[in-house]
N, C-alpha and C. Protein backbone atom coordinates (compact mmCIF):
# COMPACT_ATOMS: atom_id res chain seq x y z
N UNK A 1 90.31 75.63 122.64
CA UNK A 1 91.09 74.41 122.55
C UNK A 1 90.92 73.58 123.82
N UNK A 2 91.01 74.22 124.98
CA UNK A 2 90.89 73.51 126.26
C UNK A 2 89.51 72.90 126.40
N UNK A 3 88.47 73.68 126.05
CA UNK A 3 87.10 73.17 126.15
C UNK A 3 86.91 71.97 125.21
N UNK A 4 87.44 72.08 123.98
CA UNK A 4 87.33 70.98 123.02
C UNK A 4 88.03 69.72 123.51
N UNK A 5 89.20 69.90 124.11
CA UNK A 5 89.92 68.75 124.66
C UNK A 5 89.15 68.13 125.81
N UNK A 6 88.55 68.96 126.66
CA UNK A 6 87.76 68.44 127.79
C UNK A 6 86.56 67.63 127.31
N UNK A 7 85.97 68.07 126.18
CA UNK A 7 84.82 67.35 125.61
C UNK A 7 85.26 66.19 124.72
N UNK A 8 86.58 66.10 124.47
CA UNK A 8 87.16 65.11 123.57
C UNK A 8 86.58 65.24 122.16
N UNK A 9 86.47 66.49 121.72
CA UNK A 9 85.97 66.78 120.38
C UNK A 9 87.13 67.14 119.48
N UNK A 10 87.07 66.68 118.28
CA UNK A 10 88.04 67.02 117.24
C UNK A 10 87.83 68.50 116.89
N UNK A 11 88.91 69.28 116.74
CA UNK A 11 88.77 70.70 116.39
C UNK A 11 87.95 70.93 115.11
N UNK A 12 88.08 70.04 114.15
CA UNK A 12 87.32 70.18 112.91
C UNK A 12 85.82 70.13 113.18
N UNK A 13 85.36 69.13 113.93
CA UNK A 13 83.94 69.00 114.19
C UNK A 13 83.44 70.07 115.17
N UNK A 14 84.29 70.49 116.05
CA UNK A 14 83.93 71.59 116.95
C UNK A 14 83.67 72.86 116.14
N UNK A 15 84.54 73.12 115.18
CA UNK A 15 84.36 74.29 114.32
C UNK A 15 83.10 74.17 113.49
N UNK A 16 82.83 73.00 112.97
CA UNK A 16 81.60 72.79 112.18
C UNK A 16 80.36 73.08 113.01
N UNK A 17 80.38 72.72 114.28
CA UNK A 17 79.24 73.02 115.16
C UNK A 17 79.15 74.51 115.45
N UNK A 18 80.29 75.16 115.61
CA UNK A 18 80.31 76.59 115.94
C UNK A 18 79.78 77.44 114.79
N UNK A 19 79.88 76.96 113.56
CA UNK A 19 79.37 77.69 112.41
C UNK A 19 77.90 78.04 112.60
N UNK A 20 77.15 77.16 113.21
CA UNK A 20 75.72 77.40 113.42
C UNK A 20 75.45 78.61 114.29
N UNK A 21 76.41 79.04 115.08
CA UNK A 21 76.20 80.13 116.02
C UNK A 21 76.89 81.42 115.60
N UNK A 22 77.60 81.40 114.48
CA UNK A 22 78.34 82.57 114.03
C UNK A 22 77.45 83.48 113.18
N UNK A 23 77.67 84.78 113.27
CA UNK A 23 76.96 85.71 112.40
C UNK A 23 77.86 86.23 111.30
N UNK A 24 79.16 86.21 111.51
CA UNK A 24 80.12 86.60 110.48
C UNK A 24 81.19 85.51 110.38
N UNK A 25 81.42 85.04 109.16
CA UNK A 25 82.41 84.00 108.92
C UNK A 25 83.46 84.53 107.94
N UNK A 26 84.70 84.21 108.19
CA UNK A 26 85.77 84.53 107.25
C UNK A 26 86.23 83.19 106.68
N UNK A 27 85.99 83.02 105.41
CA UNK A 27 86.28 81.77 104.72
C UNK A 27 87.27 82.00 103.60
N UNK A 28 88.00 80.98 103.29
CA UNK A 28 88.66 80.94 102.00
C UNK A 28 87.52 80.65 101.03
N UNK A 29 87.40 81.39 99.97
CA UNK A 29 86.25 81.29 99.07
C UNK A 29 86.07 79.89 98.50
N UNK A 30 87.12 79.09 98.47
CA UNK A 30 86.99 77.74 97.92
C UNK A 30 86.03 76.88 98.73
N UNK A 31 85.85 77.21 100.01
CA UNK A 31 84.92 76.44 100.83
C UNK A 31 83.48 76.64 100.42
N UNK A 32 83.17 77.76 99.81
CA UNK A 32 81.79 78.04 99.43
C UNK A 32 81.58 77.85 97.93
N UNK A 33 82.59 78.08 97.13
CA UNK A 33 82.42 78.03 95.68
C UNK A 33 82.63 76.66 95.07
N UNK A 34 83.40 75.82 95.69
CA UNK A 34 83.59 74.46 95.17
C UNK A 34 82.33 73.67 95.53
N UNK A 35 81.57 73.21 94.52
CA UNK A 35 80.30 72.54 94.81
C UNK A 35 80.40 71.36 95.77
N UNK A 36 81.49 70.60 95.70
CA UNK A 36 81.63 69.44 96.59
C UNK A 36 81.78 69.86 98.04
N UNK A 37 82.55 70.90 98.26
CA UNK A 37 82.78 71.38 99.63
C UNK A 37 81.60 72.21 100.11
N UNK A 38 81.00 72.98 99.21
CA UNK A 38 79.90 73.87 99.57
C UNK A 38 78.71 73.12 100.15
N UNK A 39 78.46 71.92 99.65
CA UNK A 39 77.34 71.13 100.18
C UNK A 39 77.49 70.92 101.68
N UNK A 40 78.71 70.67 102.11
CA UNK A 40 78.95 70.44 103.53
C UNK A 40 78.91 71.72 104.34
N UNK A 41 79.54 72.76 103.82
CA UNK A 41 79.69 74.00 104.58
C UNK A 41 78.42 74.83 104.58
N UNK A 42 77.85 75.08 103.41
CA UNK A 42 76.70 75.98 103.32
C UNK A 42 75.45 75.38 103.95
N UNK A 43 75.37 74.09 104.06
CA UNK A 43 74.22 73.46 104.69
C UNK A 43 74.12 73.84 106.16
N UNK A 44 75.21 74.23 106.76
CA UNK A 44 75.24 74.55 108.18
C UNK A 44 75.15 76.04 108.47
N UNK A 45 75.06 76.87 107.43
CA UNK A 45 75.01 78.31 107.63
C UNK A 45 73.58 78.78 107.88
N UNK A 46 73.46 79.77 108.72
CA UNK A 46 72.18 80.42 108.94
C UNK A 46 71.90 81.34 107.74
N UNK A 47 70.64 81.60 107.44
CA UNK A 47 70.28 82.44 106.30
C UNK A 47 70.83 83.86 106.45
N UNK A 48 70.98 84.33 107.68
CA UNK A 48 71.44 85.69 107.93
C UNK A 48 72.96 85.80 108.06
N UNK A 49 73.68 84.74 107.85
CA UNK A 49 75.13 84.75 108.00
C UNK A 49 75.78 85.67 106.97
N UNK A 50 76.86 86.30 107.37
CA UNK A 50 77.66 87.13 106.48
C UNK A 50 78.96 86.37 106.24
N UNK A 51 79.32 86.23 104.97
CA UNK A 51 80.56 85.53 104.63
C UNK A 51 81.53 86.54 104.05
N UNK A 52 82.72 86.60 104.60
CA UNK A 52 83.79 87.44 104.10
C UNK A 52 84.80 86.52 103.44
N UNK A 53 85.04 86.73 102.14
CA UNK A 53 85.98 85.88 101.43
C UNK A 53 87.40 86.39 101.61
N UNK A 54 88.26 85.53 102.08
CA UNK A 54 89.68 85.82 102.18
C UNK A 54 90.32 85.50 100.84
N UNK A 55 91.28 86.29 100.43
CA UNK A 55 92.01 86.08 99.17
C UNK A 55 91.07 86.14 97.95
N UNK A 56 90.12 87.05 97.97
CA UNK A 56 89.11 87.12 96.91
C UNK A 56 89.66 87.62 95.58
N UNK A 57 90.88 88.09 95.53
CA UNK A 57 91.41 88.57 94.26
C UNK A 57 91.59 87.45 93.24
N UNK A 58 91.53 86.20 93.67
CA UNK A 58 91.64 85.05 92.75
C UNK A 58 90.29 84.39 92.48
N UNK A 59 89.21 85.01 92.91
CA UNK A 59 87.91 84.34 92.90
C UNK A 59 87.43 83.98 91.49
N UNK A 60 87.74 84.80 90.50
CA UNK A 60 87.26 84.50 89.15
C UNK A 60 87.85 83.20 88.60
N UNK A 61 89.13 82.98 88.80
CA UNK A 61 89.74 81.75 88.28
C UNK A 61 89.24 80.52 89.04
N UNK A 62 88.96 80.66 90.31
CA UNK A 62 88.44 79.53 91.08
C UNK A 62 87.02 79.18 90.64
N UNK A 63 86.21 80.19 90.35
CA UNK A 63 84.86 79.93 89.85
C UNK A 63 84.92 79.17 88.53
N UNK A 64 85.78 79.61 87.65
CA UNK A 64 85.92 78.93 86.37
C UNK A 64 86.37 77.49 86.55
N UNK A 65 87.32 77.29 87.44
CA UNK A 65 87.84 75.94 87.67
C UNK A 65 86.80 75.04 88.32
N UNK A 66 86.09 75.57 89.29
CA UNK A 66 85.11 74.76 90.04
C UNK A 66 83.91 74.37 89.18
N UNK A 67 83.55 75.21 88.25
CA UNK A 67 82.34 74.97 87.46
C UNK A 67 82.64 74.48 86.04
N UNK A 68 83.89 74.17 85.75
CA UNK A 68 84.27 73.69 84.42
C UNK A 68 84.30 72.17 84.40
N UNK A 69 84.05 71.64 83.23
CA UNK A 69 84.14 70.19 83.04
C UNK A 69 85.06 69.91 81.86
N UNK A 70 85.63 68.74 81.86
CA UNK A 70 86.46 68.32 80.74
C UNK A 70 85.68 67.28 79.95
N UNK A 71 85.58 67.51 78.66
CA UNK A 71 84.85 66.61 77.78
C UNK A 71 85.84 66.04 76.77
N UNK A 72 85.83 64.73 76.65
CA UNK A 72 86.69 64.10 75.65
C UNK A 72 85.82 63.37 74.63
N UNK A 73 86.44 62.88 73.60
CA UNK A 73 85.70 62.24 72.50
C UNK A 73 84.91 61.01 72.99
N UNK A 74 85.53 60.22 73.84
CA UNK A 74 84.84 59.02 74.35
C UNK A 74 83.59 59.40 75.14
N UNK A 75 83.71 60.45 75.96
CA UNK A 75 82.55 60.91 76.73
C UNK A 75 81.42 61.37 75.83
N UNK A 76 81.76 62.04 74.75
CA UNK A 76 80.73 62.48 73.80
C UNK A 76 80.08 61.29 73.11
N UNK A 77 80.89 60.29 72.75
CA UNK A 77 80.33 59.09 72.11
C UNK A 77 79.38 58.37 73.07
N UNK A 78 79.76 58.29 74.32
CA UNK A 78 78.90 57.61 75.31
C UNK A 78 77.60 58.39 75.53
N UNK A 79 77.67 59.70 75.44
CA UNK A 79 76.48 60.53 75.66
C UNK A 79 75.47 60.40 74.52
N UNK A 80 75.93 60.05 73.35
CA UNK A 80 75.02 59.94 72.21
C UNK A 80 74.33 58.60 72.13
N UNK A 81 74.68 57.67 72.96
CA UNK A 81 74.06 56.33 72.92
C UNK A 81 72.81 56.27 73.73
């Protein structure tokens, strides 16, 4: 915290930079499984990084939610044109 304040860096961006140097990360699984968030987070991970999911007992429902889409009649009509 002190070093970040001395550099006038936001803790969020400081953490994003530190990800590049970590070998083990403890994440809430939503950071990696949600496609919108994963683009930002996983792009900064090293290939050899180890990810430990916190609260993984809910991972199946989050996967379903993150990768599900809602289709309505209007959307189907637009897709057929």
